[in-house]
């Protein structure tokens, strides 16, 4: 026998598992024989994404907006067709993006390809020096400044009017065609177009500021059931979202009881703080999903499609 005394467990207080509250029941389990939405378990992230899908469909039925924000990786993963389909169904009422989305969407629309090899191009200083992309976008924005157009509207208009070969795969062209506001929020120095002598800071600033004010006006309708979903912008869009919410509330418009969600490949401070947590403190709910865009967006799309068909 050892020299150290063990605790005496004879007087432990026990209970029946039948009387114990449990977090998981077989009624919450997956059902492999059902369609996608119904088959998923009502547990953790699966329950959350089904809840979010329900909120989006209810917003659609109530005439409340569903806004979709995105970063450039979504375009590079070939996911635009899913978003365009949701636009055509009337579910998405507004698109929000950073400057990288414009570049990739423009190249897809005009040339059918995008996304250079940054690592190798950086070595010889050729990264971002494609003249057709950068000088043309800069020319579009310079003209938009004179015409007092927003950034997203101007590029979408150009792609349609110049009959871009792949405009059916372009979010910007599709949004312009369907009269859906697509606001672009640019940070100077973050995009390859800013490297070129054709870049006009005054034009870029004025057009993206106009888009911010358009976005603020749209967010008035987010109150009481609207939904804001962000796919893959970890810095710019979370900051823009927070400021737009502030403007709307500061002007005296009610903006509560709405829903937000972030889909990204990692957990990031700004999205979880500025989109999921802070804006919904006085009502509504925020969700955060981690996974690859090329998997998560098709999943979300098909859940929405199934729910819309059965609504």
Protein backbone atom coordinates (compact mmCIF):
# COMPACT_ATOMS: atom_id res chain seq x y z
CA UNK A 1 0.00 0.00 0.00
CA UNK A 2 1.27 3.44 -0.87
CA UNK A 3 1.91 6.09 1.74
CA UNK A 4 -0.48 8.68 0.20
CA UNK A 5 -4.16 8.64 1.03
CA UNK A 6 -6.85 8.53 -1.69
CA UNK A 7 -10.18 10.38 -1.49
CA UNK A 8 -13.13 8.28 -0.33
CA UNK A 9 -15.80 8.18 -3.10
CA UNK A 10 -18.44 6.09 -1.29
CA UNK A 11 -20.64 9.13 -0.56
CA UNK A 12 -20.79 10.53 -4.11
CA UNK A 13 -24.22 11.97 -5.01
CA UNK A 14 -25.49 10.26 -8.17
CA UNK A 15 -28.53 10.62 -10.42
CA UNK A 16 -30.28 8.81 -13.23
CA UNK A 17 -29.22 9.64 -16.79
CA UNK A 18 -32.95 9.58 -17.59
CA UNK A 19 -33.46 12.65 -15.38
CA UNK A 20 -30.38 14.55 -16.57
CA UNK A 21 -30.72 17.41 -19.10
CA UNK A 22 -28.76 16.47 -22.26
CA UNK A 23 -27.55 18.66 -25.10
CA UNK A 24 -27.82 15.98 -27.77
CA UNK A 25 -30.91 13.87 -28.55
CA UNK A 26 -31.48 11.39 -31.36
CA UNK A 27 -34.16 13.76 -32.65
CA UNK A 28 -31.30 16.13 -33.53
CA UNK A 29 -29.35 13.52 -35.51
CA UNK A 30 -28.64 13.60 -39.22
CA UNK A 31 -30.97 11.69 -41.54
CA UNK A 32 -29.14 10.34 -44.56
CA UNK A 33 -32.42 9.49 -46.34
CA UNK A 34 -33.63 13.11 -46.49
CA UNK A 35 -32.79 16.04 -48.76
CA UNK A 36 -29.80 18.23 -47.86
CA UNK A 37 -31.46 20.76 -45.53
CA UNK A 38 -33.52 18.19 -43.64
CA UNK A 39 -30.69 15.64 -43.55
CA UNK A 40 -28.29 17.85 -41.60
CA UNK A 41 -28.19 17.47 -37.80
CA UNK A 42 -29.61 20.18 -35.56
CA UNK A 43 -26.29 20.39 -33.74
CA UNK A 44 -23.60 23.13 -33.51
CA UNK A 45 -22.61 24.73 -36.86
CA UNK A 46 -25.07 22.61 -38.85
CA UNK A 47 -27.91 23.98 -36.71
CA UNK A 48 -26.54 27.51 -37.15
CA UNK A 49 -26.35 27.34 -40.94
CA UNK A 50 -29.90 25.99 -41.09
CA UNK A 51 -31.01 28.86 -38.83
CA UNK A 52 -29.24 31.38 -41.08
CA UNK A 53 -30.88 29.86 -44.15
CA UNK A 54 -34.27 30.23 -42.46
CA UNK A 55 -33.54 33.89 -41.68
CA UNK A 56 -32.61 34.57 -45.31
CA UNK A 57 -35.78 32.95 -46.64
CA UNK A 58 -37.95 34.76 -44.10
CA UNK A 59 -36.29 38.04 -45.10
CA UNK A 60 -37.10 37.28 -48.74
CA UNK A 61 -40.73 36.52 -47.87
CA UNK A 62 -41.06 39.74 -45.81
CA UNK A 63 -39.45 41.89 -48.50
CA UNK A 64 -36.42 42.55 -46.31
CA UNK A 65 -32.97 42.67 -47.93
CA UNK A 66 -30.27 40.04 -47.90
CA UNK A 67 -26.88 41.66 -48.52
CA UNK A 68 -23.88 39.65 -49.65
CA UNK A 69 -20.36 40.97 -49.07
CA UNK A 70 -17.27 39.27 -50.44
CA UNK A 71 -13.53 39.31 -50.86
CA UNK A 72 -11.58 38.51 -54.01
CA UNK A 73 -10.97 34.86 -53.15
CA UNK A 74 -14.65 34.10 -53.78
CA UNK A 75 -14.27 35.21 -57.41
CA UNK A 76 -10.99 33.33 -57.82
CA UNK A 77 -12.68 30.13 -56.65
CA UNK A 78 -15.18 30.34 -59.53
CA UNK A 79 -18.21 30.91 -57.29
CA UNK A 80 -19.85 33.83 -59.10
CA UNK A 81 -22.52 31.62 -60.79
CA UNK A 82 -24.02 30.74 -57.40
CA UNK A 83 -24.28 34.41 -56.43
CA UNK A 84 -25.70 35.43 -59.81
CA UNK A 85 -28.35 32.72 -59.46
CA UNK A 86 -29.40 34.11 -56.06
CA UNK A 87 -29.54 37.59 -57.59
CA UNK A 88 -31.80 36.31 -60.38
CA UNK A 89 -34.07 34.68 -57.80
CA UNK A 90 -34.46 38.07 -56.14
CA UNK A 91 -32.93 36.95 -52.85
CA UNK A 92 -29.88 39.23 -52.87
CA UNK A 93 -30.72 42.94 -52.80
CA UNK A 94 -27.19 44.34 -52.61
CA UNK A 95 -23.57 43.34 -53.09
CA UNK A 96 -20.61 44.79 -51.19
CA UNK A 97 -16.94 44.16 -51.96
CA UNK A 98 -13.37 45.40 -51.65
CA UNK A 99 -11.22 46.50 -54.59
CA UNK A 100 -9.74 43.08 -55.32
CA UNK A 101 -13.16 41.81 -56.35
CA UNK A 102 -13.33 44.44 -59.09
CA UNK A 103 -9.99 43.33 -60.53
CA UNK A 104 -10.78 39.61 -60.59
CA UNK A 105 -14.36 40.10 -61.79
CA UNK A 106 -13.20 42.49 -64.53
CA UNK A 107 -10.55 40.05 -65.78
CA UNK A 108 -13.00 37.14 -65.81
CA UNK A 109 -15.56 39.23 -67.72
CA UNK A 110 -13.10 40.61 -70.27
CA UNK A 111 -10.46 37.90 -70.67
CA UNK A 112 -11.86 34.71 -69.14
CA UNK A 113 -8.98 34.32 -66.70
CA UNK A 114 -7.55 35.93 -63.55
CA UNK A 115 -5.16 35.47 -60.59
CA UNK A 116 -1.50 35.78 -61.50
CA UNK A 117 1.35 33.93 -59.77
CA UNK A 118 2.20 36.61 -57.20
CA UNK A 119 5.28 34.90 -55.76
CA UNK A 120 7.13 34.65 -59.07
CA UNK A 121 5.92 38.01 -60.42
CA UNK A 122 7.03 39.75 -57.23
CA UNK A 123 10.61 38.63 -57.81
CA UNK A 124 11.05 40.64 -61.02
CA UNK A 125 8.65 43.49 -60.19
CA UNK A 126 6.03 42.49 -62.75
CA UNK A 127 3.29 41.78 -60.22
CA UNK A 128 0.15 43.74 -61.03
CA UNK A 129 1.50 45.37 -64.18
CA UNK A 130 -1.16 44.11 -66.62
CA UNK A 131 -2.04 47.23 -68.61
CA UNK A 132 -5.40 46.03 -69.99
CA UNK A 133 -6.68 45.42 -66.46
CA UNK A 134 -5.22 48.28 -64.49
CA UNK A 135 -5.18 51.15 -66.97
CA UNK A 136 -8.69 50.32 -68.19
CA UNK A 137 -10.15 50.19 -64.67
CA UNK A 138 -8.40 53.46 -63.85
CA UNK A 139 -9.85 55.05 -66.99
CA UNK A 140 -13.33 53.80 -66.06
CA UNK A 141 -13.07 55.35 -62.60
CA UNK A 142 -11.68 58.62 -63.94
CA UNK A 143 -14.71 58.89 -66.22
CA UNK A 144 -17.03 57.82 -63.40
CA UNK A 145 -15.69 60.69 -61.31
CA UNK A 146 -16.73 63.14 -64.01
CA UNK A 147 -20.11 61.46 -64.43
CA UNK A 148 -20.66 61.27 -60.63
CA UNK A 149 -21.12 57.50 -60.68
CA UNK A 150 -20.31 55.05 -57.94
CA UNK A 151 -17.38 52.67 -58.31
CA UNK A 152 -19.38 49.46 -58.72
CA UNK A 153 -21.97 51.02 -61.00
CA UNK A 154 -19.30 52.42 -63.31
CA UNK A 155 -17.44 49.14 -63.84
CA UNK A 156 -20.64 47.14 -64.29
CA UNK A 157 -21.89 49.69 -66.84
CA UNK A 158 -18.61 49.49 -68.77
CA UNK A 159 -18.70 45.69 -68.94
CA UNK A 160 -22.23 45.66 -70.30
CA UNK A 161 -21.85 48.51 -72.75
CA UNK A 162 -18.60 47.07 -74.10
CA UNK A 163 -20.11 43.60 -74.46
CA UNK A 164 -17.56 41.83 -72.28
CA UNK A 165 -17.13 38.31 -73.61
CA UNK A 166 -17.93 36.65 -70.29
CA UNK A 167 -20.33 39.18 -68.79
CA UNK A 168 -22.71 36.39 -67.76
CA UNK A 169 -20.07 35.29 -65.24
CA UNK A 170 -19.50 38.81 -63.94
CA UNK A 171 -21.06 39.95 -60.67
CA UNK A 172 -20.52 43.61 -61.60
CA UNK A 173 -22.14 43.28 -65.02
CA UNK A 174 -25.00 41.16 -63.64
CA UNK A 175 -25.69 43.59 -60.79
CA UNK A 176 -25.79 46.53 -63.19
CA UNK A 177 -28.10 44.62 -65.55
CA UNK A 178 -30.46 43.70 -62.71
CA UNK A 179 -30.36 47.15 -61.05
CA UNK A 180 -28.85 45.70 -57.88
CA UNK A 181 -26.52 48.12 -56.08
CA UNK A 182 -22.96 46.79 -55.93
CA UNK A 183 -20.82 49.02 -53.72
CA UNK A 184 -17.03 48.86 -53.86
CA UNK A 185 -14.97 49.93 -50.85
CA UNK A 186 -11.37 50.67 -51.74
CA UNK A 187 -8.39 51.29 -49.48
CA UNK A 188 -5.80 53.27 -51.42
CA UNK A 189 -2.63 51.26 -52.02
CA UNK A 190 -4.19 47.81 -51.55
CA UNK A 191 -4.99 47.06 -55.21
CA UNK A 192 -2.73 46.55 -58.23
CA UNK A 193 -4.51 49.35 -60.12
CA UNK A 194 -3.02 51.84 -57.64
CA UNK A 195 0.50 50.97 -58.81
CA UNK A 196 -0.08 52.59 -62.20
CA UNK A 197 0.41 56.21 -63.26
CA UNK A 198 -3.16 56.15 -64.61
CA UNK A 199 -4.57 55.90 -61.07
CA UNK A 200 -6.36 59.08 -59.99
CA UNK A 201 -6.63 59.27 -56.22
CA UNK A 202 -9.35 61.92 -56.30
CA UNK A 203 -11.46 59.82 -58.67
CA UNK A 204 -10.95 56.60 -56.73
CA UNK A 205 -11.74 58.31 -53.43
CA UNK A 206 -14.84 60.10 -54.71
CA UNK A 207 -16.31 56.99 -56.36
CA UNK A 208 -15.73 54.71 -53.39
CA UNK A 209 -17.06 57.37 -50.99
CA UNK A 210 -20.20 57.61 -53.11
CA UNK A 211 -20.56 53.84 -52.81
CA UNK A 212 -20.22 54.07 -49.02
CA UNK A 213 -23.10 56.55 -48.91
CA UNK A 214 -25.17 54.35 -51.21
CA UNK A 215 -24.52 51.46 -48.83
CA UNK A 216 -25.60 53.51 -45.81
CA UNK A 217 -28.86 54.32 -47.58
CA UNK A 218 -29.44 50.64 -48.32
CA UNK A 219 -28.84 49.66 -44.70
CA UNK A 220 -31.88 51.64 -43.60
CA UNK A 221 -33.88 48.61 -44.80
CA UNK A 222 -31.80 46.12 -42.80
CA UNK A 223 -33.91 46.80 -39.69
CA UNK A 224 -36.30 44.12 -38.40
CA UNK A 225 -35.35 40.98 -40.26
CA UNK A 226 -32.71 41.88 -42.86
CA UNK A 227 -29.58 39.76 -43.29
CA UNK A 228 -25.94 40.66 -43.97
CA UNK A 229 -23.57 37.86 -45.03
CA UNK A 230 -19.84 38.33 -45.51
CA UNK A 231 -17.80 35.80 -47.49
CA UNK A 232 -14.08 36.23 -47.04
CA UNK A 233 -13.31 39.90 -46.40
CA UNK A 234 -11.36 39.96 -43.14
CA UNK A 235 -10.51 43.67 -42.82
CA UNK A 236 -12.07 46.20 -45.22
CA UNK A 237 -15.70 45.05 -45.25
CA UNK A 238 -15.96 44.51 -41.45
CA UNK A 239 -14.74 48.08 -40.94
CA UNK A 240 -17.06 49.51 -43.60
CA UNK A 241 -20.00 47.56 -42.15
CA UNK A 242 -19.49 48.99 -38.67
CA UNK A 243 -19.27 52.58 -39.96
CA UNK A 244 -22.36 52.21 -42.15
CA UNK A 245 -24.36 50.86 -39.20
CA UNK A 246 -23.21 53.85 -37.13
CA UNK A 247 -24.28 56.38 -39.80
CA UNK A 248 -27.76 54.88 -40.13
CA UNK A 249 -28.35 54.82 -36.37
CA UNK A 250 -26.86 58.28 -35.90
CA UNK A 251 -29.37 59.69 -38.40
CA UNK A 252 -32.21 58.32 -36.29
CA UNK A 253 -33.24 55.32 -38.36
CA UNK A 254 -34.13 52.19 -36.36
CA UNK A 255 -31.61 49.45 -37.03
CA UNK A 256 -32.08 46.44 -34.79
CA UNK A 257 -33.21 42.82 -34.91
CA UNK A 258 -31.27 41.90 -38.03
CA UNK A 259 -28.97 38.95 -38.69
CA UNK A 260 -25.33 38.74 -39.71
CA UNK A 261 -23.02 35.94 -40.76
CA UNK A 262 -19.37 35.51 -41.67
CA UNK A 263 -18.01 32.67 -43.78
CA UNK A 264 -14.22 32.51 -43.82
CA UNK A 265 -11.34 30.05 -43.88
CA UNK A 266 -10.08 31.19 -40.46
CA UNK A 267 -11.35 33.00 -37.38
CA UNK A 268 -10.51 36.71 -37.64
CA UNK A 269 -10.89 39.43 -35.03
CA UNK A 270 -12.61 42.12 -37.12
CA UNK A 271 -15.31 39.96 -38.71
CA UNK A 272 -16.29 38.29 -35.45
CA UNK A 273 -16.25 41.60 -33.56
CA UNK A 274 -17.55 44.09 -36.14
CA UNK A 275 -20.07 41.87 -37.94
CA UNK A 276 -21.09 38.98 -35.71
CA UNK A 277 -21.00 40.42 -32.18
CA UNK A 278 -21.23 44.21 -31.82
CA UNK A 279 -23.97 45.19 -34.31
CA UNK A 280 -26.48 42.59 -33.03
CA UNK A 281 -26.14 43.34 -29.31
CA UNK A 282 -29.54 45.08 -29.21
CA UNK A 283 -31.37 42.39 -31.18
CA UNK A 284 -30.90 39.76 -33.84
CA UNK A 285 -28.07 37.26 -34.02
CA UNK A 286 -24.66 36.77 -35.62
CA UNK A 287 -23.14 33.56 -36.96
CA UNK A 288 -19.58 32.54 -37.87
CA UNK A 289 -18.68 29.60 -40.12
CA UNK A 290 -15.16 28.35 -40.84
CA UNK A 291 -14.43 26.50 -44.06
CA UNK A 292 -13.17 26.81 -47.61
CA UNK A 293 -15.25 29.13 -49.78
CA UNK A 294 -15.38 26.64 -52.64
CA UNK A 295 -17.19 24.24 -50.28
CA UNK A 296 -19.16 26.57 -48.00
CA UNK A 297 -20.74 28.83 -50.61
CA UNK A 298 -22.14 25.94 -52.71
CA UNK A 299 -23.43 24.39 -49.49
CA UNK A 300 -25.11 27.63 -48.43
CA UNK A 301 -26.52 28.12 -51.94
CA UNK A 302 -28.07 24.65 -52.09
CA UNK A 303 -29.55 24.99 -48.61
CA UNK A 304 -31.14 28.28 -49.68
CA UNK A 305 -32.42 26.79 -52.92
CA UNK A 306 -34.02 23.86 -51.15
CA UNK A 307 -35.61 26.10 -48.52
CA UNK A 308 -36.91 28.56 -51.14
CA UNK A 309 -38.51 25.75 -53.13
CA UNK A 310 -40.28 24.46 -50.03
CA UNK A 311 -41.26 27.87 -48.65
